[in-house]
Structure formats: C-alpha cells, structure tokens
Protein backbone atom coordinates (compact mmCIF):
# COMPACT_ATOMS: atom_id res chain seq x y z
CA MET A 1 33.86 135.93 92.22
CA GLU A 2 36.54 134.19 94.49
CA ILE A 3 36.99 136.40 97.77
CA ILE A 4 39.38 135.76 100.60
CA VAL A 5 39.04 137.68 103.83
CA CYS A 6 42.01 137.93 106.18
CA ILE A 7 40.79 137.74 109.76
CA LYS A 8 42.61 137.72 113.10
CA GLN A 9 41.64 136.55 116.63
CA VAL A 10 42.75 139.39 119.06
CA PRO A 11 42.48 140.03 122.68
CA ASP A 12 39.52 142.12 123.85
CA ALA A 13 40.84 145.71 124.05
CA LYS A 14 39.11 146.36 127.46
CA ASP A 15 41.14 143.36 128.92
CA VAL A 16 44.55 144.08 127.06
CA ARG A 17 47.59 143.77 129.32
CA LEU A 18 51.40 143.49 128.78
CA ASP A 19 53.54 141.06 129.91
CA PRO A 20 56.74 142.62 131.37
CA LYS A 21 59.05 139.47 131.03
CA THR A 22 58.07 138.66 127.51
CA ASN A 23 57.26 142.13 126.16
CA THR A 24 54.15 140.89 124.44
CA LEU A 25 50.56 141.02 125.27
CA ALA A 26 49.31 138.88 128.14
CA ARG A 27 46.57 136.52 126.36
CA GLU A 28 45.74 134.01 129.18
CA GLY A 29 42.81 134.69 130.84
CA VAL A 30 41.74 137.37 128.33
CA GLU A 31 38.75 136.99 126.15
CA ALA A 32 39.63 136.60 122.60
CA ILE A 33 37.30 138.22 119.73
CA MET A 34 37.48 138.69 115.95
CA ASN A 35 39.28 141.90 115.07
CA PRO A 36 36.55 144.47 114.68
CA TYR A 37 38.10 146.04 111.31
CA ASP A 38 38.09 142.45 110.17
CA ARG A 39 34.39 142.05 110.83
CA HIS A 40 33.49 144.81 108.28
CA ALA A 41 35.74 143.14 105.53
CA LEU A 42 34.03 140.17 106.34
CA GLU A 43 30.55 141.90 105.92
CA GLU A 44 31.64 143.47 102.80
CA ALA A 45 32.73 140.52 101.28
CA VAL A 46 29.47 138.64 102.05
CA CYS A 47 27.60 141.42 100.51
CA LEU A 48 29.51 141.14 97.25
CA LYS A 49 29.05 137.46 97.18
CA GLU A 50 25.23 137.91 97.39
CA LYS A 51 25.41 140.69 94.65
CA HIS A 52 27.73 138.91 92.19
CA GLY A 53 28.01 135.46 93.13
CA GLY A 54 31.05 133.25 94.15
CA THR A 55 32.51 132.23 97.37
CA VAL A 56 33.99 133.64 100.36
CA THR A 57 37.05 131.95 102.02
CA VAL A 58 38.10 133.42 105.54
CA LEU A 59 41.63 132.84 106.37
CA SER A 60 43.35 133.37 109.79
CA MET A 61 47.04 132.72 110.95
CA GLY A 62 47.16 131.89 114.68
CA PRO A 63 47.15 129.44 117.16
CA PRO A 64 44.21 126.40 117.11
CA GLN A 65 42.06 128.32 119.30
CA ALA A 66 41.78 131.01 116.45
CA GLU A 67 39.46 128.23 114.73
CA ALA A 68 36.66 129.91 116.89
CA VAL A 69 36.76 133.25 114.61
CA LEU A 70 36.73 131.15 111.71
CA ARG A 71 33.56 129.54 112.58
CA GLU A 72 31.89 132.81 113.68
CA ALA A 73 32.67 134.07 110.24
CA ILE A 74 31.01 131.19 108.36
CA SER A 75 28.19 131.76 110.83
CA CYS A 76 28.03 135.22 109.28
CA GLY A 77 27.98 134.20 105.59
CA ALA A 78 31.44 132.93 104.84
CA ASP A 79 31.47 129.86 102.93
CA ARG A 80 34.73 128.27 104.31
CA GLY A 81 37.56 128.72 106.77
CA VAL A 82 41.28 128.09 106.60
CA LEU A 83 43.56 128.07 109.62
CA VAL A 84 47.50 128.64 109.07
CA SER A 85 48.49 127.30 112.13
CA ASP A 86 52.32 126.17 113.51
CA ARG A 87 54.34 126.61 116.27
CA ALA A 88 57.09 127.88 113.67
CA PHE A 89 54.79 130.78 113.12
CA ALA A 90 54.96 132.27 116.78
CA GLY A 91 56.72 135.54 117.26
CA ALA A 92 56.00 136.83 113.77
CA ASP A 93 56.04 140.52 112.96
CA THR A 94 53.91 142.02 110.06
CA TRP A 95 56.67 141.14 107.74
CA ALA A 96 56.70 137.57 108.46
CA THR A 97 52.92 137.57 108.71
CA SER A 98 52.33 138.92 105.46
CA TYR A 99 54.81 136.27 104.04
CA THR A 100 52.99 133.57 105.71
CA LEU A 101 49.51 134.81 104.44
CA ALA A 102 50.60 135.31 100.90
CA LYS A 103 52.01 131.68 100.96
CA ALA A 104 48.82 130.50 102.59
CA ILE A 105 46.75 132.20 99.71
CA GLU A 106 49.03 130.73 97.02
CA THR A 107 48.13 127.32 98.46
CA ILE A 108 44.30 127.90 98.30
CA GLY A 109 44.45 128.69 94.84
CA SER A 110 43.05 131.44 92.47
CA VAL A 111 41.51 134.71 94.10
CA ASP A 112 39.83 137.76 92.54
CA LEU A 113 39.72 140.03 95.36
CA VAL A 114 41.49 140.02 98.98
CA LEU A 115 39.84 141.92 101.77
CA CYS A 116 41.47 143.01 105.04
CA GLY A 117 40.51 145.12 107.98
CA LYS A 118 42.53 148.40 108.19
CA GLN A 119 44.30 147.38 111.19
CA ALA A 120 44.34 144.95 114.15
CA ILE A 121 43.69 146.45 117.43
CA ASP A 122 46.40 144.64 119.14
CA GLY A 123 49.08 145.82 117.04
CA ASP A 124 47.43 148.94 115.14
CA THR A 125 50.40 148.95 112.85
CA ALA A 126 48.07 148.76 109.36
CA GLN A 127 50.90 147.08 107.75
CA VAL A 128 49.85 143.70 107.05
CA GLY A 129 47.33 144.58 104.20
CA PRO A 130 49.58 146.52 101.93
CA GLY A 131 52.69 144.21 102.76
CA LEU A 132 50.37 141.09 101.97
CA ALA A 133 49.42 142.86 98.52
CA THR A 134 52.96 143.66 97.86
CA ARG A 135 54.12 139.88 98.70
CA MET A 136 51.51 138.81 96.16
CA GLY A 137 52.17 141.60 93.58
CA LEU A 138 48.63 142.90 93.68
CA PRO A 139 47.22 146.57 93.24
CA TYR A 140 45.60 147.83 96.61
CA VAL A 141 43.74 150.45 98.02
CA THR A 142 43.64 151.15 102.01
CA CYS A 143 41.13 152.85 104.17
CA VAL A 144 38.08 151.69 101.94
CA GLN A 145 34.86 153.33 102.92
CA LYS A 146 32.50 152.16 100.22
CA THR A 147 32.67 149.64 97.25
CA ARG A 148 31.12 151.66 94.47
CA ASP A 149 31.12 149.04 91.50
CA THR A 150 32.40 145.55 90.80
CA THR A 151 32.97 143.92 87.62
CA PRO A 152 34.95 140.70 86.58
CA GLU A 153 37.64 143.04 85.61
CA SER A 154 37.77 145.75 88.27
CA VAL A 155 36.47 147.39 91.32
CA ILE A 156 35.66 150.89 92.05
CA VAL A 157 36.02 152.03 95.60
CA GLU A 158 36.12 155.28 97.66
CA ARG A 159 39.22 155.71 99.77
CA MET A 160 38.83 157.80 102.91
CA MET A 161 41.04 160.67 103.12
CA ASP A 162 41.44 163.66 106.01
CA ASP A 163 39.55 166.00 103.41
CA GLY A 164 37.04 163.88 101.93
CA TYR A 165 37.57 160.75 99.81
CA ASP A 166 39.19 159.57 96.52
CA VAL A 167 37.50 157.53 93.78
CA VAL A 168 39.87 154.69 92.95
CA ARG A 169 39.65 152.00 90.20
CA LEU A 170 41.56 149.07 90.51
CA PRO A 171 41.85 145.79 88.04
CA LEU A 172 41.32 142.53 89.44
CA PRO A 173 42.68 140.88 91.25
CA ALA A 174 43.27 143.17 93.92
CA LEU A 175 43.63 143.57 97.65
CA LEU A 176 41.60 146.15 99.84
CA THR A 177 41.66 147.24 103.53
CA VAL A 178 38.42 148.63 104.87
CA VAL A 179 37.29 150.93 107.64
CA LYS A 180 34.36 150.83 109.81
CA ASP A 181 32.39 153.21 107.98
CA ILE A 182 31.94 150.75 105.14
CA ASN A 183 29.04 148.81 106.44
CA GLU A 184 27.21 147.34 109.47
CA PRO A 185 28.27 143.99 110.16
CA ARG A 186 25.21 141.18 110.45
CA VAL A 187 24.31 139.34 113.31
CA PRO A 188 24.69 135.79 112.53
CA SER A 189 21.37 133.71 112.15
CA LEU A 190 20.65 130.21 113.85
CA LYS A 191 20.72 128.71 110.64
CA GLY A 192 24.26 130.28 110.06
CA LYS A 193 25.50 129.19 113.55
CA MET A 194 24.38 125.46 112.90
CA ARG A 195 26.14 125.66 109.54
CA ALA A 196 29.48 127.01 111.21
CA LYS A 197 29.16 124.28 113.92
CA LYS A 198 29.42 121.39 111.37
CA ALA A 199 31.92 123.16 109.04
CA GLU A 200 35.45 121.65 108.69
CA ILE A 201 38.12 124.10 108.99
CA LYS A 202 41.05 123.33 107.18
CA THR A 203 44.40 123.62 108.87
CA LEU A 204 47.59 124.51 107.03
CA SER A 205 51.09 124.16 108.42
CA ALA A 206 54.31 125.67 107.58
CA ALA A 207 55.27 122.80 105.49
CA ASP A 208 51.95 122.72 103.74
CA ILE A 209 52.21 126.28 102.46
CA GLY A 210 55.98 125.69 101.49
CA ALA A 211 57.19 128.30 103.71
CA ASP A 212 60.62 129.03 104.11
CA ASP A 213 61.82 128.60 107.74
CA GLN A 214 63.86 131.73 107.73
CA CYS A 215 60.85 133.85 106.52
CA ILE A 216 58.45 132.95 109.30
CA GLY A 217 58.04 133.40 113.08
CA LEU A 218 60.90 135.20 115.08
CA ALA A 219 63.67 133.87 112.55
CA GLY A 220 61.54 135.99 109.58
CA SER A 221 60.86 138.97 111.86
CA PRO A 222 63.21 141.90 111.46
CA THR A 223 61.31 143.95 113.91
CA GLN A 224 61.49 142.45 117.42
CA VAL A 225 60.07 144.18 120.78
CA VAL A 226 62.95 144.86 123.06
CA HIS A 227 61.24 146.31 125.93
CA VAL A 228 57.62 147.51 126.90
CA PHE A 229 56.74 149.49 129.84
CA SER A 230 54.02 152.01 130.97
CA PRO A 231 55.41 155.52 131.16
CA GLU A 232 56.04 156.77 134.85
CA PRO A 233 53.66 159.76 135.91
CA ARG A 234 55.22 162.87 135.68
CA GLY A 235 54.49 166.33 137.59
CA ASP A 236 52.62 166.76 140.67
CA ARG A 237 48.97 165.43 140.92
CA GLU A 238 45.92 166.52 143.15
CA VAL A 239 42.41 165.16 143.32
CA PHE A 240 39.58 167.39 143.77
CA SER A 241 36.54 166.11 145.95
CA GLY A 242 33.10 167.25 146.54
CA SER A 243 30.44 167.89 144.15
CA VAL A 244 30.86 168.80 140.35
CA GLU A 245 30.37 172.46 141.48
CA GLU A 246 32.85 172.35 144.26
CA GLN A 247 35.39 170.71 142.18
CA VAL A 248 35.18 173.40 139.32
CA ASP A 249 35.76 176.08 142.00
CA GLN A 250 38.87 174.32 143.31
CA LEU A 251 40.15 173.94 139.79
CA VAL A 252 39.52 177.51 139.11
CA ASP A 253 41.13 178.73 142.53
CA ARG A 254 44.36 176.42 141.66
CA LEU A 255 44.54 177.87 137.87
CA LYS A 256 44.22 181.56 139.20
CA ALA A 257 47.75 180.77 140.80
CA TYR A 258 49.33 180.37 137.45
CA LEU A 259 47.79 183.92 135.94
C-alpha cells in the first residue's frame, strides 16, 4: 500500500502572535512544530504500513526549514520525505495550497491512500484535506476516529459525529482526514532518529511539479486577509483581590446589585 501523509510545520500555539503590518502570523522567534493533527495522521499511516506492508511518504509545502518536520516524521516510521518549496508558493490560501499539494502528489506517482490531519492549528480552516481530495478526484472522509479494516480495494472507517459516529466504506484510492482520538503517536526511537538524520529529503519547486504560476501563491489565492486585529475590551472591568473566599464574597455583593 502506497500512503502519502500531508504534514505542515506550524508555530507552537502557545507562542502565536499576529503581525499587524502584514496581517499574517509572526513566525520569527516562534518555535515551529509538526501540526498536532498531522502527527496522528502520520501514526495511522505507519500503523497501516506495519499491518499491510507498503511505504509511507510524508509531504510538506513550506520554506526550507520545514525539512525538520519531515525528518521528524521519518524518525517516527515514515520511509521518505518530500518538501515542496518555492518562493512562488508564499501567501497561498487553502485553494492554492490544495492545488500545489495535488500537483506534488501527481509528480510523486501512484498512491493508494492520502492521510491528512483534520486541520492545522495556525489556520483552523479544515479545508485543505477536502480541497486536495476534490483536486485529485478522490473519495474522502473527514474527522476519522478509527480505521476498521483495509483491503487492497477499500477502507472502512469510523467518522466522528456530534451524536456518535458513522461507519463509511470507501474504494481506494481515497483520502482521509483524522482527529486526535484515532491513536496515540509514538515516540521516535534512537534508531529512527539516526535514520532520519541520514535520510535524503527530496525538494520540489514549482517548475518541478508543473504548477501554473497563476494557481499558486498569492496569484492563485482568491482569499486574502485584509486586516487582522484583537478586539478592543468592552464594558467596565473590576479585579477582585484577597483570598478565594473573599473574592467570592465580593463577586456575590456585586451580583446582588443586578437582582
């Protein structure tokens, strides 16, 4: 089984800041990590490989430093990493990103299953997975919480719903986006880290994947952020001090004024 996992390098959520001049996330000086949802997609891919055989390729679109998360993925069991990197990709929205990833997968070759995290923690749109499946003409299921069975022809999964879950069977090739409930990601072994350190990461440019200049980066992004700001505080505010019991008494006194 040939599996491709799309992963993204994102800023650590605890350090996220907005740049008021560029209306984008400030990434300088902020620790970059593998998107947490993608980590679960990677673990599921490695588990499927261990059970059914095949290879796991991790794919990421980003700047040269995104190579770090590809090596991390290899240390956790992936077989090879591919980085799609080009200045022309800068400023891509989810529409342009899904196009770029689809062209990259087309360049990589045949695939039986594409796995993605449900969403990225820096954008939270959950659009790239479905957009990628649509670009590639693949059947897909989002919010997968369990892989029940996989054969050379199909995969059966549980899709998380508000009131339980659906059981869905998809013909292969297909695309799945996963939630954190699906598994517990492994810790890379020393052997895995050594293998990742020596691994060759293949880098693909816009020209390498045959991308149309008008479909990538800002030029190919119909959605653009015009302004980002933090809402101004509204209403009067008062801070209570003292012990917990004293603060509770003060709060009760204030609330009584509104009764």
